[in-house]
Amino acid sequence: MESFRIAKLVVFISSLSYLGVTFLKNYNSPENIEKRCMLKFEKDFKNPLDTSREEWDQILDLADKNYFKCMGKNQY
């Protein structure tokens, strides 16, 4: 009876570990990182009609820098 409890515990810990590794692998995939960064900075790319061209260029530059920083890439 004791060996059955130990076996259940081993199966539970193994399953939990597998689910954790699978989640982290999926969460940190390049596609999901890109989706999260796009959603996070999507509002920066919307152009209000009353924005001047110079101001809009500054907004886009800042949004690009933040996006690449979120993606973990260096922008030169």
N, C-alpha and C. Protein backbone atom coordinates (compact mmCIF):
# COMPACT_ATOMS: atom_id res chain seq x y z
N MET A 1 0.82 -1.19 0.00
CA MET A 1 0.00 0.00 0.00
C MET A 1 0.87 1.26 0.00
N GLU A 2 1.96 1.22 0.74
CA GLU A 2 2.86 2.37 0.81
C GLU A 2 3.51 2.64 -0.54
N SER A 3 3.82 1.59 -1.28
CA SER A 3 4.45 1.78 -2.60
C SER A 3 3.47 2.42 -3.59
N PHE A 4 2.18 2.16 -3.43
CA PHE A 4 1.18 2.79 -4.29
C PHE A 4 1.12 4.29 -4.04
N ARG A 5 1.22 4.71 -2.79
CA ARG A 5 1.21 6.14 -2.46
C ARG A 5 2.47 6.82 -3.01
N ILE A 6 3.58 6.14 -2.92
CA ILE A 6 4.82 6.70 -3.45
C ILE A 6 4.73 6.81 -4.97
N ALA A 7 4.15 5.81 -5.60
CA ALA A 7 3.99 5.83 -7.06
C ALA A 7 3.08 6.98 -7.47
N LYS A 8 1.98 7.21 -6.75
CA LYS A 8 1.09 8.32 -7.05
C LYS A 8 1.81 9.65 -6.90
N LEU A 9 2.62 9.77 -5.87
CA LEU A 9 3.38 11.00 -5.65
C LEU A 9 4.38 11.23 -6.78
N VAL A 10 5.06 10.19 -7.20
CA VAL A 10 6.03 10.31 -8.30
C VAL A 10 5.31 10.71 -9.59
N VAL A 11 4.17 10.10 -9.87
CA VAL A 11 3.41 10.42 -11.08
C VAL A 11 2.92 11.87 -11.01
N PHE A 12 2.45 12.31 -9.87
CA PHE A 12 1.97 13.67 -9.70
C PHE A 12 3.09 14.68 -9.92
N ILE A 13 4.23 14.46 -9.31
CA ILE A 13 5.36 15.38 -9.45
C ILE A 13 5.87 15.38 -10.88
N SER A 14 5.94 14.22 -11.51
CA SER A 14 6.38 14.14 -12.90
C SER A 14 5.42 14.88 -13.83
N SER A 15 4.12 14.69 -13.61
CA SER A 15 3.13 15.38 -14.44
C SER A 15 3.20 16.88 -14.25
N LEU A 16 3.34 17.32 -13.04
CA LEU A 16 3.44 18.75 -12.76
C LEU A 16 4.70 19.34 -13.39
N SER A 17 5.79 18.64 -13.32
CA SER A 17 7.03 19.10 -13.94
C SER A 17 6.88 19.18 -15.45
N TYR A 18 6.28 18.17 -16.05
CA TYR A 18 6.08 18.16 -17.50
C TYR A 18 5.20 19.33 -17.93
N LEU A 19 4.12 19.58 -17.20
CA LEU A 19 3.25 20.70 -17.54
C LEU A 19 3.97 22.04 -17.39
N GLY A 20 4.79 22.17 -16.37
CA GLY A 20 5.55 23.40 -16.17
C GLY A 20 6.54 23.65 -17.29
N VAL A 21 7.27 22.62 -17.68
CA VAL A 21 8.24 22.76 -18.77
C VAL A 21 7.53 23.07 -20.08
N THR A 22 6.42 22.40 -20.34
CA THR A 22 5.66 22.64 -21.57
C THR A 22 5.13 24.07 -21.60
N PHE A 23 4.62 24.56 -20.48
CA PHE A 23 4.11 25.93 -20.42
C PHE A 23 5.23 26.93 -20.70
N LEU A 24 6.36 26.77 -20.04
CA LEU A 24 7.46 27.71 -20.22
C LEU A 24 8.01 27.68 -21.64
N LYS A 25 8.06 26.49 -22.23
CA LYS A 25 8.53 26.36 -23.61
C LYS A 25 7.58 27.10 -24.56
N ASN A 26 6.29 26.95 -24.35
CA ASN A 26 5.30 27.62 -25.19
C ASN A 26 5.28 29.12 -24.93
N TYR A 27 5.36 29.52 -23.67
CA TYR A 27 5.31 30.94 -23.30
C TYR A 27 6.49 31.70 -23.87
N ASN A 28 7.65 31.08 -23.90
CA ASN A 28 8.87 31.74 -24.36
C ASN A 28 9.19 31.49 -25.82
N SER A 29 8.25 30.95 -26.58
CA SER A 29 8.50 30.74 -28.00
C SER A 29 8.54 32.10 -28.71
N PRO A 30 9.33 32.23 -29.77
CA PRO A 30 9.45 33.52 -30.47
C PRO A 30 8.10 34.05 -30.98
N GLU A 31 7.22 33.16 -31.41
CA GLU A 31 5.92 33.62 -31.91
C GLU A 31 5.10 34.26 -30.80
N ASN A 32 5.10 33.64 -29.62
CA ASN A 32 4.31 34.19 -28.51
C ASN A 32 4.92 35.47 -27.96
N ILE A 33 6.24 35.55 -27.94
CA ILE A 33 6.89 36.79 -27.50
C ILE A 33 6.51 37.92 -28.44
N GLU A 34 6.54 37.64 -29.74
CA GLU A 34 6.18 38.66 -30.72
C GLU A 34 4.72 39.10 -30.56
N LYS A 35 3.82 38.16 -30.33
CA LYS A 35 2.41 38.50 -30.13
C LYS A 35 2.22 39.39 -28.91
N ARG A 36 2.89 39.02 -27.79
CA ARG A 36 2.77 39.82 -26.57
C ARG A 36 3.31 41.23 -26.78
N CYS A 37 4.44 41.34 -27.46
CA CYS A 37 5.03 42.66 -27.70
C CYS A 37 4.15 43.49 -28.63
N MET A 38 3.59 42.86 -29.65
CA MET A 38 2.71 43.60 -30.57
C MET A 38 1.48 44.13 -29.83
N LEU A 39 0.88 43.31 -28.98
CA LEU A 39 -0.29 43.76 -28.23
C LEU A 39 0.08 44.88 -27.25
N LYS A 40 1.26 44.75 -26.66
CA LYS A 40 1.68 45.74 -25.67
C LYS A 40 1.91 47.11 -26.30
N PHE A 41 2.47 47.15 -27.51
CA PHE A 41 2.83 48.41 -28.13
C PHE A 41 1.95 48.78 -29.32
N GLU A 42 0.87 48.06 -29.51
CA GLU A 42 -0.04 48.35 -30.63
C GLU A 42 -0.64 49.74 -30.51
N LYS A 43 -0.94 50.16 -29.31
CA LYS A 43 -1.56 51.48 -29.12
C LYS A 43 -0.61 52.61 -29.50
N ASP A 44 0.71 52.37 -29.43
CA ASP A 44 1.69 53.40 -29.81
C ASP A 44 1.70 53.66 -31.31
N PHE A 45 1.23 52.70 -32.10
CA PHE A 45 1.30 52.83 -33.55
C PHE A 45 0.04 53.44 -34.16
N LYS A 46 -0.94 53.76 -33.36
CA LYS A 46 -2.15 54.39 -33.88
C LYS A 46 -1.91 55.88 -34.06
N ASN A 47 -2.29 56.40 -35.22
CA ASN A 47 -2.03 57.79 -35.57
C ASN A 47 -3.28 58.65 -35.36
N PRO A 48 -3.28 59.47 -34.30
CA PRO A 48 -4.39 60.41 -34.17
C PRO A 48 -4.31 61.47 -35.27
N LEU A 49 -5.45 61.94 -35.72
CA LEU A 49 -5.48 62.85 -36.86
C LEU A 49 -4.86 64.20 -36.58
N ASP A 50 -4.85 64.63 -35.33
CA ASP A 50 -4.34 65.96 -35.01
C ASP A 50 -2.84 65.97 -34.67
N THR A 51 -2.12 64.89 -34.95
CA THR A 51 -0.70 64.80 -34.65
C THR A 51 0.12 65.30 -35.83
N SER A 52 1.10 66.14 -35.52
CA SER A 52 1.97 66.65 -36.58
C SER A 52 2.92 65.55 -37.07
N ARG A 53 3.48 65.76 -38.23
CA ARG A 53 4.37 64.77 -38.84
C ARG A 53 5.61 64.52 -37.97
N GLU A 54 6.19 65.59 -37.42
CA GLU A 54 7.39 65.46 -36.59
C GLU A 54 7.07 64.70 -35.30
N GLU A 55 5.96 65.05 -34.69
CA GLU A 55 5.55 64.38 -33.47
C GLU A 55 5.25 62.91 -33.74
N TRP A 56 4.61 62.63 -34.87
CA TRP A 56 4.28 61.26 -35.23
C TRP A 56 5.56 60.45 -35.47
N ASP A 57 6.57 61.05 -36.09
CA ASP A 57 7.85 60.37 -36.30
C ASP A 57 8.52 60.04 -34.96
N GLN A 58 8.43 60.95 -34.01
CA GLN A 58 9.00 60.69 -32.68
C GLN A 58 8.27 59.56 -31.97
N ILE A 59 6.94 59.55 -32.10
CA ILE A 59 6.13 58.49 -31.49
C ILE A 59 6.51 57.14 -32.09
N LEU A 60 6.67 57.09 -33.41
CA LEU A 60 7.04 55.83 -34.07
C LEU A 60 8.44 55.37 -33.67
N ASP A 61 9.38 56.31 -33.56
CA ASP A 61 10.72 55.95 -33.14
C ASP A 61 10.72 55.36 -31.73
N LEU A 62 10.00 55.99 -30.83
CA LEU A 62 9.90 55.49 -29.46
C LEU A 62 9.22 54.12 -29.42
N ALA A 63 8.15 53.97 -30.19
CA ALA A 63 7.44 52.68 -30.23
C ALA A 63 8.33 51.59 -30.80
N ASP A 64 9.11 51.91 -31.84
CA ASP A 64 10.04 50.92 -32.41
C ASP A 64 11.08 50.50 -31.38
N LYS A 65 11.65 51.47 -30.68
CA LYS A 65 12.66 51.15 -29.66
C LYS A 65 12.07 50.27 -28.57
N ASN A 66 10.88 50.61 -28.10
CA ASN A 66 10.23 49.82 -27.05
C ASN A 66 9.88 48.42 -27.54
N TYR A 67 9.45 48.31 -28.79
CA TYR A 67 9.11 47.01 -29.35
C TYR A 67 10.35 46.11 -29.43
N PHE A 68 11.44 46.65 -29.95
CA PHE A 68 12.65 45.84 -30.06
C PHE A 68 13.22 45.50 -28.69
N LYS A 69 13.06 46.40 -27.73
CA LYS A 69 13.49 46.11 -26.37
C LYS A 69 12.66 44.98 -25.78
N CYS A 70 11.36 44.99 -26.04
CA CYS A 70 10.47 43.94 -25.57
C CYS A 70 10.84 42.60 -26.21
N MET A 71 11.19 42.63 -27.49
CA MET A 71 11.55 41.41 -28.23
C MET A 71 12.93 40.89 -27.80
N GLY A 72 13.71 41.72 -27.12
CA GLY A 72 15.04 41.31 -26.70
C GLY A 72 16.08 41.44 -27.79
N LYS A 73 15.82 42.32 -28.77
CA LYS A 73 16.75 42.53 -29.87
C LYS A 73 17.36 43.91 -29.74
N ASN A 74 18.62 44.02 -30.14
CA ASN A 74 19.29 45.33 -30.15
C ASN A 74 19.01 46.01 -31.46
N GLN A 75 18.68 47.28 -31.39
CA GLN A 75 18.46 48.08 -32.59
C GLN A 75 19.61 49.05 -32.74
N TYR A 76 20.20 49.08 -33.90
CA TYR A 76 21.36 49.94 -34.15
C TYR A 76 20.96 51.25 -34.72
